[in-house]
Amino acid sequence: MKQTETYQLNLIEPSDVFSPDPLNQNMERAEAALEAARAEAKAADDALDARIAVLEAHKIIIGAYTGNGVQLRFVDVGYEVQAVFVQSRGMTPHFTVKDHECSPVFYVEGSGFRVGTNNVHTLNTEGRLYYYVAVV
C-alpha cells in the first residue's frame, strides 16, 4: 500500500483488498496531528495572554497641569503611579519613582504625585504649564 509523502497517510489502490485498517490508521494519524496543532496553538495563546497581562499591568499616562504655587500640590492621575517625569518648556525634565523621593517637593504618592518648589525643583510655579508622563 502506498502512503502520502508528507503525512504518511495510506492510499488505497483499486487492487488492494478492502480492509478498514488503513482507513482507521489514517484517522488516528489525522487526529494525532490535529491534537498536536491544537496543543501548539494553545501554548501560543497562553504565551500571548501572559505578554498582554504584563503590558496591561503597566500603562503610561500623559497629561499636563498649570502651576498654582501651592507647596506639595497633589496631581492625581487616577492610577497607582510607579514613576513620573515632569517638565515645563525650557526646563530640565525631572524624574522620580515610587518609594524613592527625588526631593522633598517632588515624589510619587498613591494615585499621583506631589510637586512644589525649592532651590532644586520648580514644579508648581503659578501660571506655568507643566507636562508629565506617569508610569502606572
C-alpha atoms as a PDB file:
ATOM      1  CA  MET A   1       0.000   0.000   0.000  1.00  0.00           C
ATOM      2  CA  LYS A   2       1.296   3.452  -0.911  1.00  0.00           C
ATOM      3  CA  GLN A   3       1.388   6.395   1.501  1.00  0.00           C
ATOM      4  CA  THR A   4       1.261  10.138   1.045  1.00  0.00           C
ATOM      5  CA  GLU A   5       4.639  11.837   1.106  1.00  0.00           C
ATOM      6  CA  THR A   6       4.037  14.468   3.771  1.00  0.00           C
ATOM      7  CA  TYR A   7       1.717  12.839   6.326  1.00  0.00           C
ATOM      8  CA  GLN A   8       2.230   9.160   5.505  1.00  0.00           C
ATOM      9  CA  LEU A   9      -1.499   8.563   5.080  1.00  0.00           C
ATOM     10  CA  ASN A  10      -2.480   5.288   3.497  1.00  0.00           C
ATOM     11  CA  LEU A  11      -3.521   5.453  -0.150  1.00  0.00           C
ATOM     12  CA  ILE A  12      -5.898   2.732  -1.092  1.00  0.00           C
ATOM     13  CA  GLU A  13      -5.423   1.433  -4.600  1.00  0.00           C
ATOM     14  CA  PRO A  14      -8.040  -0.359  -6.687  1.00  0.00           C
ATOM     15  CA  SER A  15      -6.087  -3.614  -6.495  1.00  0.00           C
ATOM     16  CA  ASP A  16      -5.985  -3.565  -2.645  1.00  0.00           C
ATOM     17  CA  VAL A  17      -8.209  -5.935  -0.719  1.00  0.00           C
ATOM     18  CA  PHE A  18     -10.720  -3.882   1.213  1.00  0.00           C
ATOM     19  CA  SER A  19      -9.866  -3.542   4.890  1.00  0.00           C
ATOM     20  CA  PRO A  20     -10.940  -0.842   7.344  1.00  0.00           C
ATOM     21  CA  ASP A  21      -7.475  -0.911   9.000  1.00  0.00           C
ATOM     22  CA  PRO A  22      -5.752   1.546   6.600  1.00  0.00           C
ATOM     23  CA  LEU A  23      -8.691   3.959   6.904  1.00  0.00           C
ATOM     24  CA  ASN A  24      -8.612   3.718  10.678  1.00  0.00           C
ATOM     25  CA  GLN A  25      -4.850   4.356  10.665  1.00  0.00           C
ATOM     26  CA  ASN A  26      -5.418   7.463   8.549  1.00  0.00           C
ATOM     27  CA  MET A  27      -7.980   8.755  11.041  1.00  0.00           C
ATOM     28  CA  GLU A  28      -5.691   8.082  14.008  1.00  0.00           C
ATOM     29  CA  ARG A  29      -2.817   9.939  12.311  1.00  0.00           C
ATOM     30  CA  ALA A  30      -5.108  12.837  11.414  1.00  0.00           C
ATOM     31  CA  GLU A  31      -6.426  13.031  14.970  1.00  0.00           C
ATOM     32  CA  ALA A  32      -2.896  12.982  16.418  1.00  0.00           C
ATOM     33  CA  ALA A  33      -1.819  15.767  14.038  1.00  0.00           C
ATOM     34  CA  LEU A  34      -4.878  17.860  14.913  1.00  0.00           C
ATOM     35  CA  GLU A  35      -4.254  17.355  18.644  1.00  0.00           C
ATOM     36  CA  ALA A  36      -0.614  18.428  18.254  1.00  0.00           C
ATOM     37  CA  ALA A  37      -1.691  21.544  16.325  1.00  0.00           C
ATOM     38  CA  ARG A  38      -4.306  22.336  18.989  1.00  0.00           C
ATOM     39  CA  ALA A  39      -1.723  21.986  21.775  1.00  0.00           C
ATOM     40  CA  GLU A  40       0.721  24.232  19.882  1.00  0.00           C
ATOM     41  CA  ALA A  41      -1.969  26.862  19.309  1.00  0.00           C
ATOM     42  CA  LYS A  42      -2.964  26.752  22.989  1.00  0.00           C
ATOM     43  CA  ALA A  43       0.660  27.225  24.064  1.00  0.00           C
ATOM     44  CA  ALA A  44       0.972  30.206  21.724  1.00  0.00           C
ATOM     45  CA  ASP A  45      -2.311  31.671  23.049  1.00  0.00           C
ATOM     46  CA  ASP A  46      -1.146  31.208  26.652  1.00  0.00           C
ATOM     47  CA  ALA A  47       2.161  32.938  25.886  1.00  0.00           C
ATOM     48  CA  LEU A  48       0.328  35.821  24.218  1.00  0.00           C
ATOM     49  CA  ASP A  49      -2.063  36.119  27.186  1.00  0.00           C
ATOM     50  CA  ALA A  50       0.923  36.347  29.538  1.00  0.00           C
ATOM     51  CA  ARG A  51       2.518  39.090  27.440  1.00  0.00           C
ATOM     52  CA  ILE A  52      -0.742  41.030  27.280  1.00  0.00           C
ATOM     53  CA  ALA A  53      -1.135  40.775  31.062  1.00  0.00           C
ATOM     54  CA  VAL A  54       2.342  42.269  31.534  1.00  0.00           C
ATOM     55  CA  LEU A  55       1.615  45.091  29.099  1.00  0.00           C
ATOM     56  CA  GLU A  56      -1.771  45.827  30.665  1.00  0.00           C
ATOM     57  CA  ALA A  57      -0.218  45.928  34.114  1.00  0.00           C
ATOM     58  CA  HIS A  58       1.920  48.922  33.087  1.00  0.00           C
ATOM     59  CA  LYS A  59       0.306  51.881  31.429  1.00  0.00           C
ATOM     60  CA  ILE A  60       1.632  55.290  30.564  1.00  0.00           C
ATOM     61  CA  ILE A  61      -0.459  58.346  31.238  1.00  0.00           C
ATOM     62  CA  ILE A  62       0.431  61.647  29.622  1.00  0.00           C
ATOM     63  CA  GLY A  63      -1.007  64.847  30.981  1.00  0.00           C
ATOM     64  CA  ALA A  64      -0.462  68.440  31.982  1.00  0.00           C
ATOM     65  CA  TYR A  65      -1.201  70.772  34.839  1.00  0.00           C
ATOM     66  CA  THR A  66      -0.904  74.505  35.343  1.00  0.00           C
ATOM     67  CA  GLY A  67       1.099  75.503  38.383  1.00  0.00           C
ATOM     68  CA  ASN A  68      -0.821  77.176  41.190  1.00  0.00           C
ATOM     69  CA  GLY A  69       2.050  77.940  43.575  1.00  0.00           C
ATOM     70  CA  VAL A  70       0.764  75.604  46.311  1.00  0.00           C
ATOM     71  CA  GLN A  71       3.603  73.788  48.049  1.00  0.00           C
ATOM     72  CA  LEU A  72       3.281  69.967  47.757  1.00  0.00           C
ATOM     73  CA  ARG A  73       0.359  70.164  45.381  1.00  0.00           C
ATOM     74  CA  PHE A  74      -1.106  66.727  44.599  1.00  0.00           C
ATOM     75  CA  VAL A  75      -1.551  65.840  40.911  1.00  0.00           C
ATOM     76  CA  ASP A  76      -3.941  62.888  40.637  1.00  0.00           C
ATOM     77  CA  VAL A  77      -3.576  60.684  37.533  1.00  0.00           C
ATOM     78  CA  GLY A  78      -6.236  58.171  38.600  1.00  0.00           C
ATOM     79  CA  TYR A  79      -3.984  55.112  38.897  1.00  0.00           C
ATOM     80  CA  GLU A  80      -1.248  53.965  41.279  1.00  0.00           C
ATOM     81  CA  VAL A  81       1.900  55.665  39.982  1.00  0.00           C
ATOM     82  CA  GLN A  82       5.240  53.855  39.759  1.00  0.00           C
ATOM     83  CA  ALA A  83       7.324  56.635  38.207  1.00  0.00           C
ATOM     84  CA  VAL A  84       6.812  60.106  36.755  1.00  0.00           C
ATOM     85  CA  PHE A  85       8.623  62.628  34.541  1.00  0.00           C
ATOM     86  CA  VAL A  86       7.690  66.317  34.800  1.00  0.00           C
ATOM     87  CA  GLN A  87       8.880  69.078  32.504  1.00  0.00           C
ATOM     88  CA  SER A  88       7.960  72.591  31.500  1.00  0.00           C
ATOM     89  CA  ARG A  89       9.096  74.464  28.411  1.00  0.00           C
ATOM     90  CA  GLY A  90      12.725  75.474  28.698  1.00  0.00           C
ATOM     91  CA  MET A  91      13.408  73.489  31.860  1.00  0.00           C
ATOM     92  CA  THR A  92      15.272  70.282  32.554  1.00  0.00           C
ATOM     93  CA  PRO A  93      12.944  67.287  32.979  1.00  0.00           C
ATOM     94  CA  HIS A  94      12.604  65.900  36.493  1.00  0.00           C
ATOM     95  CA  PHE A  95      12.075  62.229  37.306  1.00  0.00           C
ATOM     96  CA  THR A  96      11.069  60.341  40.430  1.00  0.00           C
ATOM     97  CA  VAL A  97       9.967  56.800  41.257  1.00  0.00           C
ATOM     98  CA  LYS A  98       7.733  55.251  43.873  1.00  0.00           C
ATOM     99  CA  ASP A  99       9.415  54.673  47.256  1.00  0.00           C
ATOM    100  CA  HIS A 100      12.399  56.842  46.291  1.00  0.00           C
ATOM    101  CA  GLU A 101      11.898  60.568  46.856  1.00  0.00           C
ATOM    102  CA  CYS A 102      13.642  62.723  44.290  1.00  0.00           C
ATOM    103  CA  SER A 103      13.331  65.668  46.660  1.00  0.00           C
ATOM    104  CA  PRO A 104      11.055  66.847  49.493  1.00  0.00           C
ATOM    105  CA  VAL A 105       8.955  68.702  46.908  1.00  0.00           C
ATOM    106  CA  PHE A 106       8.676  66.066  44.174  1.00  0.00           C
ATOM    107  CA  TYR A 107       7.636  62.487  44.892  1.00  0.00           C
ATOM    108  CA  VAL A 108       5.170  59.753  43.984  1.00  0.00           C
ATOM    109  CA  GLU A 109       2.208  59.276  46.281  1.00  0.00           C
ATOM    110  CA  GLY A 110      -0.652  56.813  45.692  1.00  0.00           C
ATOM    111  CA  SER A 111      -2.623  57.670  42.571  1.00  0.00           C
ATOM    112  CA  GLY A 112      -0.471  60.629  41.659  1.00  0.00           C
ATOM    113  CA  PHE A 113       2.494  62.719  42.666  1.00  0.00           C
ATOM    114  CA  ARG A 114       3.307  65.790  44.730  1.00  0.00           C
ATOM    115  CA  VAL A 115       5.042  68.847  43.329  1.00  0.00           C
ATOM    116  CA  GLY A 116       6.336  72.039  44.838  1.00  0.00           C
ATOM    117  CA  THR A 117       9.207  74.458  44.583  1.00  0.00           C
ATOM    118  CA  ASN A 118      12.602  74.650  46.272  1.00  0.00           C
ATOM    119  CA  ASN A 119      16.119  75.642  45.216  1.00  0.00           C
ATOM    120  CA  VAL A 120      16.441  72.500  43.025  1.00  0.00           C
ATOM    121  CA  HIS A 121      12.921  71.899  41.678  1.00  0.00           C
ATOM    122  CA  THR A 122      10.424  74.417  40.384  1.00  0.00           C
ATOM    123  CA  LEU A 123       7.500  72.162  39.595  1.00  0.00           C
ATOM    124  CA  ASN A 124       4.474  74.242  40.616  1.00  0.00           C
ATOM    125  CA  THR A 125       5.186  77.847  39.712  1.00  0.00           C
ATOM    126  CA  GLU A 126       1.890  79.722  39.493  1.00  0.00           C
ATOM    127  CA  GLY A 127       0.598  80.065  35.936  1.00  0.00           C
ATOM    128  CA  ARG A 128       3.283  77.878  34.371  1.00  0.00           C
ATOM    129  CA  LEU A 129       2.251  74.889  32.249  1.00  0.00           C
ATOM    130  CA  TYR A 130       3.881  71.553  33.155  1.00  0.00           C
ATOM    131  CA  TYR A 131       3.713  68.271  31.256  1.00  0.00           C
ATOM    132  CA  TYR A 132       4.036  64.862  32.845  1.00  0.00           C
ATOM    133  CA  VAL A 133       4.439  61.242  31.806  1.00  0.00           C
ATOM    134  CA  ALA A 134       3.404  58.802  34.529  1.00  0.00           C
ATOM    135  CA  VAL A 135       4.096  55.069  34.503  1.00  0.00           C
ATOM    136  CA  VAL A 136       1.312  53.284  36.354  1.00  0.00           C
END
